[in-house]
Amino acid sequence: MARRRKEIVNVEELSLGGTKPPVGVTVGEMFAEMEATLKLSSVEDNGGFDRRVRGTEINRPGLAIAGYFDRFSHRQVQVLGMTELSYLASITERKRSDIFNKITSYDGLPCFVVARGRRPPPALKVSARNRGIPVAVSGRRTTDVIALLSDHLRDKFAPRLAFHGDLLDVYGVGVLILGPAAVGKSECALDLIGRGHRIVADDVVYVRRRITGELVGDTKESIREHIEIRGLGVLNVKQLFGIRAVRKSKNVELIVKIELLDPKEDYDRTGLDRTVVNILGIEAPFIVIPVVPGKSISSLVEVAALDYLLKRYGFDAARVFNEKLRAEIATNYQPDKKGKP
């Protein structure tokens, strides 16, 4: 029983297609989503919350404040830290006004964020107000502000695919359950929730690729924490099972497809085959479970998650069994001198 070569499943046969990342995120949306994370103590709208952030990069305008504007990255979020504020404190008020009037004159500048809870210089507040540019104050360190904003914007602009299925946290493994309509995906998810596992999404799952090479799944805010069961309707999982039964997002690590049993189909019987699906350049293990009356799909999904964990920690049951079988054949079925066993 030799291991066959890896099979790659075409993701286009499984997904609903790609969803375009947003062309831009408004400053108002960004501040609202990051208010707690950035510890924003004050935000001055100045009528510019509809300005758009169109990239993931963050800029510290140190050189611009010093008067060097060649290659000034004016279309990025501008973060002022202790270095910039210390320099500004060393020059005259007139020079500070000239500098910020010049900086804010660039079209497309989205906003300013002042780190470490420091008060924005009056010259900045005046220039920003005149140009309708928002100014926010964060209680975090400058490097933390840049890192957190960059991570948030990378997630916002990350490439993504949409799937019709369910995403659950099963024993800490992110399991994406796919299959045709009415095959029992949501019923399987409901049974897993009853067994103590957590649901991320039902019906529509959005999977995006993070810059770290991970696949992360979530769903629309409007349907989060809900599940639709034929005959019962739409149910609120958090209200029925408590907060422990839901989570907002989860890394997608294992893909399980449920389908009606096809007697003519050659399903994997040994576990030696390695089938993967390539999602946005990242390969994830792929398993097909045929459905027959009386089969507990949720139990099989649990076992698949546990087997995935074992393989991740270096134990492959099918491979170990295959090696033992080969050793037994080599020991007990030695051919004689005439070539007969």
C-alpha atoms as a PDB file:
ATOM      1  CA  MET A   1       0.000   0.000   0.000  1.00  0.00           C
ATOM      2  CA  ALA A   2       2.271   2.764  -1.218  1.00  0.00           C
ATOM      3  CA  ARG A   3       1.345   6.374  -0.689  1.00  0.00           C
ATOM      4  CA  ARG A   4      -0.021   7.927  -3.847  1.00  0.00           C
ATOM      5  CA  ARG A   5       0.923  11.384  -4.938  1.00  0.00           C
ATOM      6  CA  LYS A   6      -0.819  14.405  -3.523  1.00  0.00           C
ATOM      7  CA  GLU A   7      -4.128  15.373  -5.113  1.00  0.00           C
ATOM      8  CA  ILE A   8      -5.120  19.035  -5.311  1.00  0.00           C
ATOM      9  CA  VAL A   9      -8.815  19.908  -5.430  1.00  0.00           C
ATOM     10  CA  ASN A  10      -9.880  22.886  -7.540  1.00  0.00           C
ATOM     11  CA  VAL A  11     -11.143  25.543  -5.141  1.00  0.00           C
ATOM     12  CA  GLU A  12     -13.438  26.953  -7.823  1.00  0.00           C
ATOM     13  CA  GLU A  13     -15.543  23.805  -7.499  1.00  0.00           C
ATOM     14  CA  LEU A  14     -16.060  24.489  -3.779  1.00  0.00           C
ATOM     15  CA  SER A  15     -16.300  28.259  -3.347  1.00  0.00           C
ATOM     16  CA  LEU A  16     -18.870  30.842  -4.305  1.00  0.00           C
ATOM     17  CA  GLY A  17     -16.070  32.874  -5.852  1.00  0.00           C
ATOM     18  CA  GLY A  18     -13.861  35.740  -4.802  1.00  0.00           C
ATOM     19  CA  THR A  19     -15.113  38.853  -3.113  1.00  0.00           C
ATOM     20  CA  LYS A  20     -13.315  42.060  -3.950  1.00  0.00           C
ATOM     21  CA  PRO A  21     -11.494  43.733  -1.045  1.00  0.00           C
ATOM     22  CA  PRO A  22     -12.784  47.251  -0.400  1.00  0.00           C
ATOM     23  CA  VAL A  23     -11.340  50.024  -2.550  1.00  0.00           C
ATOM     24  CA  GLY A  24     -10.960  52.045   0.618  1.00  0.00           C
ATOM     25  CA  VAL A  25     -12.002  52.150   4.260  1.00  0.00           C
ATOM     26  CA  THR A  26     -13.404  55.373   5.664  1.00  0.00           C
ATOM     27  CA  VAL A  27     -11.576  57.023   8.520  1.00  0.00           C
ATOM     28  CA  GLY A  28     -14.785  56.927  10.567  1.00  0.00           C
ATOM     29  CA  GLU A  29     -15.077  53.160  10.122  1.00  0.00           C
ATOM     30  CA  MET A  30     -11.434  52.624  10.989  1.00  0.00           C
ATOM     31  CA  PHE A  31     -11.628  54.682  14.175  1.00  0.00           C
ATOM     32  CA  ALA A  32     -14.895  53.019  15.246  1.00  0.00           C
ATOM     33  CA  GLU A  33     -13.442  49.518  14.770  1.00  0.00           C
ATOM     34  CA  MET A  34     -10.121  50.372  16.434  1.00  0.00           C
ATOM     35  CA  GLU A  35     -11.332  52.634  19.253  1.00  0.00           C
ATOM     36  CA  ALA A  36     -10.811  50.096  22.048  1.00  0.00           C
ATOM     37  CA  THR A  37      -7.687  48.520  20.541  1.00  0.00           C
ATOM     38  CA  LEU A  38      -5.920  51.859  20.054  1.00  0.00           C
ATOM     39  CA  LYS A  39      -7.254  53.297  23.330  1.00  0.00           C
ATOM     40  CA  LEU A  40      -8.510  56.415  21.559  1.00  0.00           C
ATOM     41  CA  SER A  41      -9.072  59.114  24.178  1.00  0.00           C
ATOM     42  CA  SER A  42     -10.285  61.811  21.808  1.00  0.00           C
ATOM     43  CA  VAL A  43     -11.173  62.073  18.139  1.00  0.00           C
ATOM     44  CA  GLU A  44     -11.792  65.307  16.276  1.00  0.00           C
ATOM     45  CA  ASP A  45     -14.027  64.682  13.282  1.00  0.00           C
ATOM     46  CA  ASN A  46     -13.476  68.047  11.525  1.00  0.00           C
ATOM     47  CA  GLY A  47     -16.019  66.854   8.969  1.00  0.00           C
ATOM     48  CA  GLY A  48     -13.602  64.337   7.468  1.00  0.00           C
ATOM     49  CA  PHE A  49     -14.789  60.933   8.675  1.00  0.00           C
ATOM     50  CA  ASP A  50     -15.773  60.089   5.102  1.00  0.00           C
ATOM     51  CA  ARG A  51     -12.150  60.415   3.950  1.00  0.00           C
ATOM     52  CA  ARG A  52     -10.809  57.080   2.736  1.00  0.00           C
ATOM     53  CA  VAL A  53      -7.771  55.033   3.692  1.00  0.00           C
ATOM     54  CA  ARG A  54      -6.703  53.244   0.516  1.00  0.00           C
ATOM     55  CA  GLY A  55      -3.729  51.176   1.624  1.00  0.00           C
ATOM     56  CA  THR A  56      -2.184  49.251   4.488  1.00  0.00           C
ATOM     57  CA  GLU A  57       0.954  51.350   5.017  1.00  0.00           C
ATOM     58  CA  ILE A  58       1.300  53.837   7.883  1.00  0.00           C
ATOM     59  CA  ASN A  59       3.539  56.907   7.700  1.00  0.00           C
ATOM     60  CA  ARG A  60       5.481  58.837  10.338  1.00  0.00           C
ATOM     61  CA  PRO A  61       5.909  62.330   8.802  1.00  0.00           C
ATOM     62  CA  GLY A  62       9.210  63.103  10.494  1.00  0.00           C
ATOM     63  CA  LEU A  63      10.989  64.255   7.359  1.00  0.00           C
ATOM     64  CA  ALA A  64       7.996  66.325   6.248  1.00  0.00           C
ATOM     65  CA  ILE A  65       7.864  68.038   9.649  1.00  0.00           C
ATOM     66  CA  ALA A  66      11.574  68.807   9.213  1.00  0.00           C
ATOM     67  CA  GLY A  67      10.751  70.431   5.864  1.00  0.00           C
ATOM     68  CA  TYR A  68      11.663  67.654   3.417  1.00  0.00           C
ATOM     69  CA  PHE A  69       8.596  66.857   1.282  1.00  0.00           C
ATOM     70  CA  ASP A  70      10.127  64.857  -1.563  1.00  0.00           C
ATOM     71  CA  ARG A  71       8.418  61.428  -1.631  1.00  0.00           C
ATOM     72  CA  PHE A  72       6.082  62.436   1.190  1.00  0.00           C
ATOM     73  CA  SER A  73       3.591  59.559   1.624  1.00  0.00           C
ATOM     74  CA  HIS A  74       0.586  61.814   2.032  1.00  0.00           C
ATOM     75  CA  ARG A  75      -2.063  59.200   1.156  1.00  0.00           C
ATOM     76  CA  GLN A  76      -1.258  57.128   4.227  1.00  0.00           C
ATOM     77  CA  VAL A  77      -2.439  57.490   7.829  1.00  0.00           C
ATOM     78  CA  GLN A  78      -0.050  59.937   9.533  1.00  0.00           C
ATOM     79  CA  VAL A  79       1.168  58.912  13.012  1.00  0.00           C
ATOM     80  CA  LEU A  80       2.983  61.390  15.253  1.00  0.00           C
ATOM     81  CA  GLY A  81       5.106  60.043  18.091  1.00  0.00           C
ATOM     82  CA  MET A  82       7.464  61.487  20.688  1.00  0.00           C
ATOM     83  CA  THR A  83      10.205  62.137  18.113  1.00  0.00           C
ATOM     84  CA  GLU A  84       7.977  64.338  15.961  1.00  0.00           C
ATOM     85  CA  LEU A  85       6.403  66.075  18.957  1.00  0.00           C
ATOM     86  CA  SER A  86       9.797  66.802  20.533  1.00  0.00           C
ATOM     87  CA  TYR A  87      11.047  68.408  17.337  1.00  0.00           C
ATOM     88  CA  LEU A  88       7.862  70.465  16.986  1.00  0.00           C
ATOM     89  CA  ALA A  89       8.301  71.745  20.554  1.00  0.00           C
ATOM     90  CA  SER A  90      11.770  73.038  19.651  1.00  0.00           C
ATOM     91  CA  ILE A  91      10.650  75.357  16.839  1.00  0.00           C
ATOM     92  CA  THR A  92       8.549  78.495  16.772  1.00  0.00           C
ATOM     93  CA  GLU A  93       4.754  78.549  16.544  1.00  0.00           C
ATOM     94  CA  ARG A  94       4.955  80.304  13.185  1.00  0.00           C
ATOM     95  CA  LYS A  95       7.144  77.551  11.761  1.00  0.00           C
ATOM     96  CA  ARG A  96       4.819  74.864  13.170  1.00  0.00           C
ATOM     97  CA  SER A  97       1.869  76.527  11.436  1.00  0.00           C
ATOM     98  CA  ASP A  98       3.748  76.691   8.139  1.00  0.00           C
ATOM     99  CA  ILE A  99       4.699  73.023   8.362  1.00  0.00           C
ATOM    100  CA  PHE A 100       1.186  71.753   9.093  1.00  0.00           C
ATOM    101  CA  ASN A 101      -0.370  74.066   6.512  1.00  0.00           C
ATOM    102  CA  LYS A 102       1.979  72.477   3.978  1.00  0.00           C
ATOM    103  CA  ILE A 103       1.313  68.902   5.150  1.00  0.00           C
ATOM    104  CA  THR A 104      -2.469  69.281   5.162  1.00  0.00           C
ATOM    105  CA  SER A 105      -2.463  70.878   1.718  1.00  0.00           C
ATOM    106  CA  TYR A 106      -1.820  67.497   0.091  1.00  0.00           C
ATOM    107  CA  ASP A 107      -4.961  65.956  -1.404  1.00  0.00           C
ATOM    108  CA  GLY A 108      -5.936  62.505  -0.173  1.00  0.00           C
ATOM    109  CA  LEU A 109      -4.351  62.721   3.289  1.00  0.00           C
ATOM    110  CA  PRO A 110      -6.757  60.601   5.394  1.00  0.00           C
ATOM    111  CA  CYS A 111      -6.090  61.507   9.051  1.00  0.00           C
ATOM    112  CA  PHE A 112      -3.608  62.075  11.879  1.00  0.00           C
ATOM    113  CA  VAL A 113      -3.082  59.900  14.955  1.00  0.00           C
ATOM    114  CA  VAL A 114      -1.069  61.269  17.879  1.00  0.00           C
ATOM    115  CA  ALA A 115       0.435  58.490  20.018  1.00  0.00           C
ATOM    116  CA  ARG A 116       1.171  58.123  23.743  1.00  0.00           C
ATOM    117  CA  GLY A 117      -1.887  60.148  24.750  1.00  0.00           C
ATOM    118  CA  ARG A 118      -0.159  63.448  23.928  1.00  0.00           C
ATOM    119  CA  ARG A 119      -2.199  66.492  23.014  1.00  0.00           C
ATOM    120  CA  PRO A 120      -2.010  67.422  19.332  1.00  0.00           C
ATOM    121  CA  PRO A 121      -0.073  70.661  18.707  1.00  0.00           C
ATOM    122  CA  PRO A 122      -2.447  73.632  18.319  1.00  0.00           C
ATOM    123  CA  ALA A 123      -1.008  74.304  14.859  1.00  0.00           C
ATOM    124  CA  LEU A 124      -1.994  70.780  13.773  1.00  0.00           C
ATOM    125  CA  LYS A 125      -5.515  71.160  15.153  1.00  0.00           C
ATOM    126  CA  VAL A 126      -6.033  74.456  13.340  1.00  0.00           C
ATOM    127  CA  SER A 127      -4.666  73.236   9.991  1.00  0.00           C
ATOM    128  CA  ALA A 128      -6.580  69.952  10.197  1.00  0.00           C
ATOM    129  CA  ARG A 129      -9.815  71.765  11.062  1.00  0.00           C
ATOM    130  CA  ASN A 130      -9.393  74.113   8.124  1.00  0.00           C
ATOM    131  CA  ARG A 131      -8.826  71.202   5.738  1.00  0.00           C
ATOM    132  CA  GLY A 132     -11.456  68.855   7.237  1.00  0.00           C
ATOM    133  CA  ILE A 133      -8.945  66.211   8.319  1.00  0.00           C
ATOM    134  CA  PRO A 134      -9.714  64.063  11.411  1.00  0.00           C
ATOM    135  CA  VAL A 135      -7.246  64.009  14.309  1.00  0.00           C
ATOM    136  CA  ALA A 136      -7.223  61.243  16.940  1.00  0.00           C
ATOM    137  CA  VAL A 137      -5.227  60.675  20.131  1.00  0.00           C
ATOM    138  CA  SER A 138      -4.143  57.134  21.059  1.00  0.00           C
ATOM    139  CA  GLY A 139      -2.962  56.054  24.484  1.00  0.00           C
ATOM    140  CA  ARG A 140      -0.636  53.452  23.004  1.00  0.00           C
ATOM    141  CA  ARG A 141       3.033  53.725  22.098  1.00  0.00           C
ATOM    142  CA  THR A 142       3.909  54.891  18.608  1.00  0.00           C
ATOM    143  CA  THR A 143       5.232  51.512  17.437  1.00  0.00           C
ATOM    144  CA  ASP A 144       2.114  49.791  18.794  1.00  0.00           C
ATOM    145  CA  VAL A 145      -0.188  52.227  16.990  1.00  0.00           C
ATOM    146  CA  ILE A 146       1.593  51.560  13.693  1.00  0.00           C
ATOM    147  CA  ALA A 147       1.603  47.775  14.168  1.00  0.00           C
ATOM    148  CA  LEU A 148      -2.062  47.563  15.198  1.00  0.00           C
ATOM    149  CA  LEU A 149      -3.274  49.850  12.428  1.00  0.00           C
ATOM    150  CA  SER A 150      -1.207  47.975   9.839  1.00  0.00           C
ATOM    151  CA  ASP A 151      -2.588  44.590  10.947  1.00  0.00           C
ATOM    152  CA  HIS A 152      -6.138  45.911  10.905  1.00  0.00           C
ATOM    153  CA  LEU A 153      -5.793  47.386   7.422  1.00  0.00           C
ATOM    154  CA  ARG A 154      -4.069  44.253   6.071  1.00  0.00           C
ATOM    155  CA  ASP A 155      -7.079  42.224   7.184  1.00  0.00           C
ATOM    156  CA  LYS A 156      -9.413  44.748   5.588  1.00  0.00           C
ATOM    157  CA  PHE A 157      -7.628  44.655   2.235  1.00  0.00           C
ATOM    158  CA  ALA A 158      -6.738  40.944   2.245  1.00  0.00           C
ATOM    159  CA  PRO A 159      -7.850  38.775  -0.719  1.00  0.00           C
ATOM    160  CA  ARG A 160     -10.808  36.570   0.201  1.00  0.00           C
ATOM    161  CA  LEU A 161     -13.178  33.868  -1.018  1.00  0.00           C
ATOM    162  CA  ALA A 162     -16.775  33.124  -0.077  1.00  0.00           C
ATOM    163  CA  PHE A 163     -18.016  29.595   0.697  1.00  0.00           C
ATOM    164  CA  HIS A 164     -21.478  28.158   1.262  1.00  0.00           C
ATOM    165  CA  GLY A 165     -21.005  26.123   4.412  1.00  0.00           C
ATOM    166  CA  ASP A 166     -20.283  26.211   8.140  1.00  0.00           C
ATOM    167  CA  LEU A 167     -17.118  27.083  10.036  1.00  0.00           C
ATOM    168  CA  LEU A 168     -16.606  25.676  13.518  1.00  0.00           C
ATOM    169  CA  ASP A 169     -13.933  25.437  16.179  1.00  0.00           C
ATOM    170  CA  VAL A 170     -13.710  21.688  16.902  1.00  0.00           C
ATOM    171  CA  TYR A 171     -11.164  20.810  19.590  1.00  0.00           C
ATOM    172  CA  GLY A 172      -9.296  23.978  18.646  1.00  0.00           C
ATOM    173  CA  VAL A 173      -9.202  23.081  14.930  1.00  0.00           C
ATOM    174  CA  GLY A 174     -10.937  25.394  12.465  1.00  0.00           C
ATOM    175  CA  VAL A 175     -13.127  23.035  10.406  1.00  0.00           C
ATOM    176  CA  LEU A 176     -14.875  24.351   7.290  1.00  0.00           C
ATOM    177  CA  ILE A 177     -17.834  22.093   6.440  1.00  0.00           C
ATOM    178  CA  LEU A 178     -18.947  22.221   2.801  1.00  0.00           C
ATOM    179  CA  GLY A 179     -21.459  20.327   0.697  1.00  0.00           C
ATOM    180  CA  PRO A 180     -24.504  20.683  -1.542  1.00  0.00           C
ATOM    181  CA  ALA A 181     -27.719  22.299  -0.331  1.00  0.00           C
ATOM    182  CA  ALA A 182     -29.892  20.239   2.062  1.00  0.00           C
ATOM    183  CA  VAL A 183     -27.140  17.648   2.659  1.00  0.00           C
ATOM    184  CA  GLY A 184     -27.111  18.426   6.404  1.00  0.00           C
ATOM    185  CA  LYS A 185     -24.279  20.907   6.956  1.00  0.00           C
ATOM    186  CA  SER A 186     -26.202  23.096   9.405  1.00  0.00           C
ATOM    187  CA  GLU A 187     -27.650  20.064  11.221  1.00  0.00           C
ATOM    188  CA  CYS A 188     -24.106  18.708  11.623  1.00  0.00           C
ATOM    189  CA  ALA A 189     -22.973  22.093  12.925  1.00  0.00           C
ATOM    190  CA  LEU A 190     -25.887  22.193  15.404  1.00  0.00           C
ATOM    191  CA  ASP A 191     -24.969  18.729  16.709  1.00  0.00           C
ATOM    192  CA  LEU A 192     -21.344  19.823  17.138  1.00  0.00           C
ATOM    193  CA  ILE A 193     -22.481  22.904  19.074  1.00  0.00           C
ATOM    194  CA  GLY A 194     -24.489  20.628  21.351  1.00  0.00           C
ATOM    195  CA  ARG A 195     -21.341  18.596  21.955  1.00  0.00           C
ATOM    196  CA  GLY A 196     -19.545  21.696  23.251  1.00  0.00           C
ATOM    197  CA  HIS A 197     -17.841  23.016  20.133  1.00  0.00           C
ATOM    198  CA  ARG A 198     -18.072  26.601  18.852  1.00  0.00           C
ATOM    199  CA  ILE A 199     -19.547  28.008  15.660  1.00  0.00           C
ATOM    200  CA  VAL A 200     -18.097  30.906  13.688  1.00  0.00           C
ATOM    201  CA  ALA A 201     -20.369  31.028  10.642  1.00  0.00           C
ATOM    202  CA  ASP A 202     -23.367  29.337   9.086  1.00  0.00           C
ATOM    203  CA  ASP A 203     -24.481  29.567   5.452  1.00  0.00           C
ATOM    204  CA  VAL A 204     -21.898  32.103   4.193  1.00  0.00           C
ATOM    205  CA  VAL A 205     -18.247  31.864   5.242  1.00  0.00           C
ATOM    206  CA  TYR A 206     -15.661  34.433   4.142  1.00  0.00           C
ATOM    207  CA  VAL A 207     -12.076  33.146   4.101  1.00  0.00           C
ATOM    208  CA  ARG A 208      -9.200  35.607   3.770  1.00  0.00           C
ATOM    209  CA  ARG A 209      -5.452  35.090   3.614  1.00  0.00           C
ATOM    210  CA  ARG A 210      -3.393  36.931   6.186  1.00  0.00           C
ATOM    211  CA  ILE A 211       0.110  38.171   5.436  1.00  0.00           C
ATOM    212  CA  THR A 212       1.439  35.513   7.851  1.00  0.00           C
ATOM    213  CA  GLY A 213       0.155  32.770   5.530  1.00  0.00           C
ATOM    214  CA  GLU A 214      -2.888  31.817   7.605  1.00  0.00           C
ATOM    215  CA  LEU A 215      -6.439  31.402   6.347  1.00  0.00           C
ATOM    216  CA  VAL A 216      -8.968  33.140   8.590  1.00  0.00           C
ATOM    217  CA  GLY A 217     -12.724  32.677   8.327  1.00  0.00           C
ATOM    218  CA  ASP A 218     -15.624  34.803   9.532  1.00  0.00           C
ATOM    219  CA  THR A 219     -19.049  35.934   8.300  1.00  0.00           C
ATOM    220  CA  LYS A 220     -21.299  38.942   7.870  1.00  0.00           C
ATOM    221  CA  GLU A 221     -22.113  40.831  11.061  1.00  0.00           C
ATOM    222  CA  SER A 222     -25.838  40.622  10.243  1.00  0.00           C
ATOM    223  CA  ILE A 223     -25.907  36.800  10.398  1.00  0.00           C
ATOM    224  CA  ARG A 224     -23.190  36.208  12.990  1.00  0.00           C
ATOM    225  CA  GLU A 225     -24.215  33.908  15.895  1.00  0.00           C
ATOM    226  CA  HIS A 226     -27.218  32.616  13.923  1.00  0.00           C
ATOM    227  CA  ILE A 227     -27.895  29.244  12.296  1.00  0.00           C
ATOM    228  CA  GLU A 228     -30.686  28.232   9.926  1.00  0.00           C
ATOM    229  CA  ILE A 229     -32.226  24.753  10.297  1.00  0.00           C
ATOM    230  CA  ARG A 230     -34.903  23.514   7.917  1.00  0.00           C
ATOM    231  CA  GLY A 231     -38.098  22.953   9.876  1.00  0.00           C
ATOM    232  CA  LEU A 232     -36.967  25.116  12.801  1.00  0.00           C
ATOM    233  CA  GLY A 233     -36.000  28.339  11.055  1.00  0.00           C
ATOM    234  CA  VAL A 234     -33.330  30.808  12.135  1.00  0.00           C
ATOM    235  CA  LEU A 235     -31.912  30.212  15.620  1.00  0.00           C
ATOM    236  CA  ASN A 236     -29.692  32.439  17.774  1.00  0.00           C
ATOM    237  CA  VAL A 237     -26.864  30.183  18.923  1.00  0.00           C
ATOM    238  CA  LYS A 238     -25.591  32.505  21.658  1.00  0.00           C
ATOM    239  CA  GLN A 239     -29.031  32.824  23.236  1.00  0.00           C
ATOM    240  CA  LEU A 240     -29.687  29.072  23.077  1.00  0.00           C
ATOM    241  CA  PHE A 241     -26.291  27.689  24.117  1.00  0.00           C
ATOM    242  CA  GLY A 242     -24.531  30.640  25.734  1.00  0.00           C
ATOM    243  CA  ILE A 243     -21.499  32.712  24.864  1.00  0.00           C
ATOM    244  CA  ARG A 244     -19.205  29.661  24.976  1.00  0.00           C
ATOM    245  CA  ALA A 245     -20.865  28.321  21.786  1.00  0.00           C
ATOM    246  CA  VAL A 246     -19.797  31.151  19.460  1.00  0.00           C
ATOM    247  CA  ARG A 247     -16.668  32.921  18.346  1.00  0.00           C
ATOM    248  CA  LYS A 248     -16.073  35.775  15.919  1.00  0.00           C
ATOM    249  CA  SER A 249     -13.381  34.257  13.682  1.00  0.00           C
ATOM    250  CA  LYS A 250     -11.153  31.208  13.412  1.00  0.00           C
ATOM    251  CA  ASN A 251      -8.199  29.996  11.376  1.00  0.00           C
ATOM    252  CA  VAL A 252      -9.338  27.566   8.670  1.00  0.00           C
ATOM    253  CA  GLU A 253      -7.196  24.429   9.026  1.00  0.00           C
ATOM    254  CA  LEU A 254      -9.312  21.517   7.739  1.00  0.00           C
ATOM    255  CA  ILE A 255     -11.889  21.302   4.932  1.00  0.00           C
ATOM    256  CA  VAL A 256     -14.606  18.631   5.213  1.00  0.00           C
ATOM    257  CA  LYS A 257     -17.039  18.088   2.345  1.00  0.00           C
ATOM    258  CA  ILE A 258     -20.278  16.209   3.076  1.00  0.00           C
ATOM    259  CA  GLU A 259     -21.989  14.553   0.112  1.00  0.00           C
ATOM    260  CA  LEU A 260     -24.559  11.849  -0.528  1.00  0.00           C
ATOM    261  CA  LEU A 261     -22.998   8.402  -0.912  1.00  0.00           C
ATOM    262  CA  ASP A 262     -22.283   7.534  -4.533  1.00  0.00           C
ATOM    263  CA  PRO A 263     -21.768   3.732  -4.846  1.00  0.00           C
ATOM    264  CA  LYS A 264     -19.698   4.301  -7.977  1.00  0.00           C
ATOM    265  CA  GLU A 265     -17.324   6.747  -6.255  1.00  0.00           C
ATOM    266  CA  ASP A 266     -13.933   5.460  -5.078  1.00  0.00           C
ATOM    267  CA  TYR A 267     -13.732   6.963  -1.587  1.00  0.00           C
ATOM    268  CA  ASP A 268     -10.501   6.893   0.405  1.00  0.00           C
ATOM    269  CA  ARG A 269     -10.352   3.706   2.507  1.00  0.00           C
ATOM    270  CA  THR A 270      -6.794   3.816   3.860  1.00  0.00           C
ATOM    271  CA  GLY A 271      -6.003   7.427   4.706  1.00  0.00           C
ATOM    272  CA  LEU A 272      -2.726   7.165   2.786  1.00  0.00           C
ATOM    273  CA  ASP A 273      -3.875   9.555   0.098  1.00  0.00           C
ATOM    274  CA  ARG A 274      -3.174  13.213   0.780  1.00  0.00           C
ATOM    275  CA  THR A 275      -5.825  15.474  -0.706  1.00  0.00           C
ATOM    276  CA  VAL A 276      -5.590  19.242  -0.314  1.00  0.00           C
ATOM    277  CA  VAL A 277      -7.435  22.286  -1.564  1.00  0.00           C
ATOM    278  CA  ASN A 278      -5.504  25.402  -2.526  1.00  0.00           C
ATOM    279  CA  ILE A 279      -7.229  28.472  -1.097  1.00  0.00           C
ATOM    280  CA  LEU A 280      -5.636  31.780  -2.036  1.00  0.00           C
ATOM    281  CA  GLY A 281      -2.235  30.121  -2.337  1.00  0.00           C
ATOM    282  CA  ILE A 282      -2.453  28.206   0.959  1.00  0.00           C
ATOM    283  CA  GLU A 283      -2.977  24.425   0.981  1.00  0.00           C
ATOM    284  CA  ALA A 284      -5.417  22.949   3.510  1.00  0.00           C
ATOM    285  CA  PRO A 285      -6.233  19.237   4.074  1.00  0.00           C
ATOM    286  CA  PHE A 286      -9.441  18.134   2.318  1.00  0.00           C
ATOM    287  CA  ILE A 287     -11.689  15.223   3.361  1.00  0.00           C
ATOM    288  CA  VAL A 288     -14.862  13.900   1.724  1.00  0.00           C
ATOM    289  CA  ILE A 289     -17.412  12.184   3.996  1.00  0.00           C
ATOM    290  CA  PRO A 290     -20.204  10.271   2.218  1.00  0.00           C
ATOM    291  CA  VAL A 291     -23.607  10.464   3.913  1.00  0.00           C
ATOM    292  CA  VAL A 292     -25.806   7.391   4.500  1.00  0.00           C
ATOM    293  CA  PRO A 293     -28.825   6.998   6.829  1.00  0.00           C
ATOM    294  CA  GLY A 294     -27.772   6.422  10.429  1.00  0.00           C
ATOM    295  CA  LYS A 295     -24.218   7.735  10.058  1.00  0.00           C
ATOM    296  CA  SER A 296     -23.193  10.261  12.729  1.00  0.00           C
ATOM    297  CA  ILE A 297     -21.532  12.972  10.652  1.00  0.00           C
ATOM    298  CA  SER A 298     -20.733  15.129  13.677  1.00  0.00           C
ATOM    299  CA  SER A 299     -18.820  12.257  15.311  1.00  0.00           C
ATOM    300  CA  LEU A 300     -16.807  11.777  12.130  1.00  0.00           C
ATOM    301  CA  VAL A 301     -16.006  15.496  11.990  1.00  0.00           C
ATOM    302  CA  GLU A 302     -14.771  15.311  15.601  1.00  0.00           C
ATOM    303  CA  VAL A 303     -12.546  12.351  14.765  1.00  0.00           C
ATOM    304  CA  ALA A 304     -11.249  14.126  11.644  1.00  0.00           C
ATOM    305  CA  ALA A 305     -10.282  17.122  13.794  1.00  0.00           C
ATOM    306  CA  LEU A 306      -8.521  14.901  16.349  1.00  0.00           C
ATOM    307  CA  ASP A 307      -6.696  13.013  13.588  1.00  0.00           C
ATOM    308  CA  TYR A 308      -5.593  16.358  12.128  1.00  0.00           C
ATOM    309  CA  LEU A 309      -4.156  17.320  15.536  1.00  0.00           C
ATOM    310  CA  LEU A 310      -2.289  14.004  15.765  1.00  0.00           C
ATOM    311  CA  LYS A 311      -0.768  14.529  12.314  1.00  0.00           C
ATOM    312  CA  ARG A 312       0.204  18.059  13.230  1.00  0.00           C
ATOM    313  CA  TYR A 313       2.110  16.666  16.210  1.00  0.00           C
ATOM    314  CA  GLY A 314       3.824  14.021  14.087  1.00  0.00           C
ATOM    315  CA  PHE A 315       1.643  10.901  14.339  1.00  0.00           C
ATOM    316  CA  ASP A 316       0.018   9.595  11.144  1.00  0.00           C
ATOM    317  CA  ALA A 317      -2.058   6.476  11.951  1.00  0.00           C
ATOM    318  CA  ALA A 318      -2.370   5.352   8.318  1.00  0.00           C
ATOM    319  CA  ARG A 319       1.366   5.706   7.721  1.00  0.00           C
ATOM    320  CA  VAL A 320       2.246   3.807  10.926  1.00  0.00           C
ATOM    321  CA  PHE A 321      -0.215   1.029  10.037  1.00  0.00           C
ATOM    322  CA  ASN A 322       1.232   0.814   6.523  1.00  0.00           C
ATOM    323  CA  GLU A 323       4.770   0.507   7.881  1.00  0.00           C
ATOM    324  CA  LYS A 324       3.752  -2.267  10.306  1.00  0.00           C
ATOM    325  CA  LEU A 325       1.981  -4.142   7.522  1.00  0.00           C
ATOM    326  CA  ARG A 326       4.998  -3.891   5.250  1.00  0.00           C
ATOM    327  CA  ALA A 327       7.274  -5.126   8.050  1.00  0.00           C
ATOM    328  CA  GLU A 328       4.966  -8.092   8.704  1.00  0.00           C
ATOM    329  CA  ILE A 329       4.876  -9.005   5.015  1.00  0.00           C
ATOM    330  CA  ALA A 330       8.653  -8.765   4.800  1.00  0.00           C
ATOM    331  CA  THR A 331       9.051 -11.011   7.872  1.00  0.00           C
ATOM    332  CA  ASN A 332       6.431 -13.722   7.307  1.00  0.00           C
ATOM    333  CA  TYR A 333       6.304 -14.013   3.547  1.00  0.00           C
ATOM    334  CA  GLN A 334       9.925 -14.519   2.526  1.00  0.00           C
ATOM    335  CA  PRO A 335      10.222 -16.339  -0.816  1.00  0.00           C
ATOM    336  CA  ASP A 336      12.146 -19.663  -0.891  1.00  0.00           C
ATOM    337  CA  LYS A 337      15.071 -20.354  -3.146  1.00  0.00           C
ATOM    338  CA  LYS A 338      12.686 -21.206  -5.988  1.00  0.00           C
ATOM    339  CA  GLY A 339      10.974 -17.815  -5.649  1.00  0.00           C
ATOM    340  CA  LYS A 340       7.828 -19.199  -3.988  1.00  0.00           C
ATOM    341  CA  PRO A 341       6.497 -17.686  -0.719  1.00  0.00           C
END
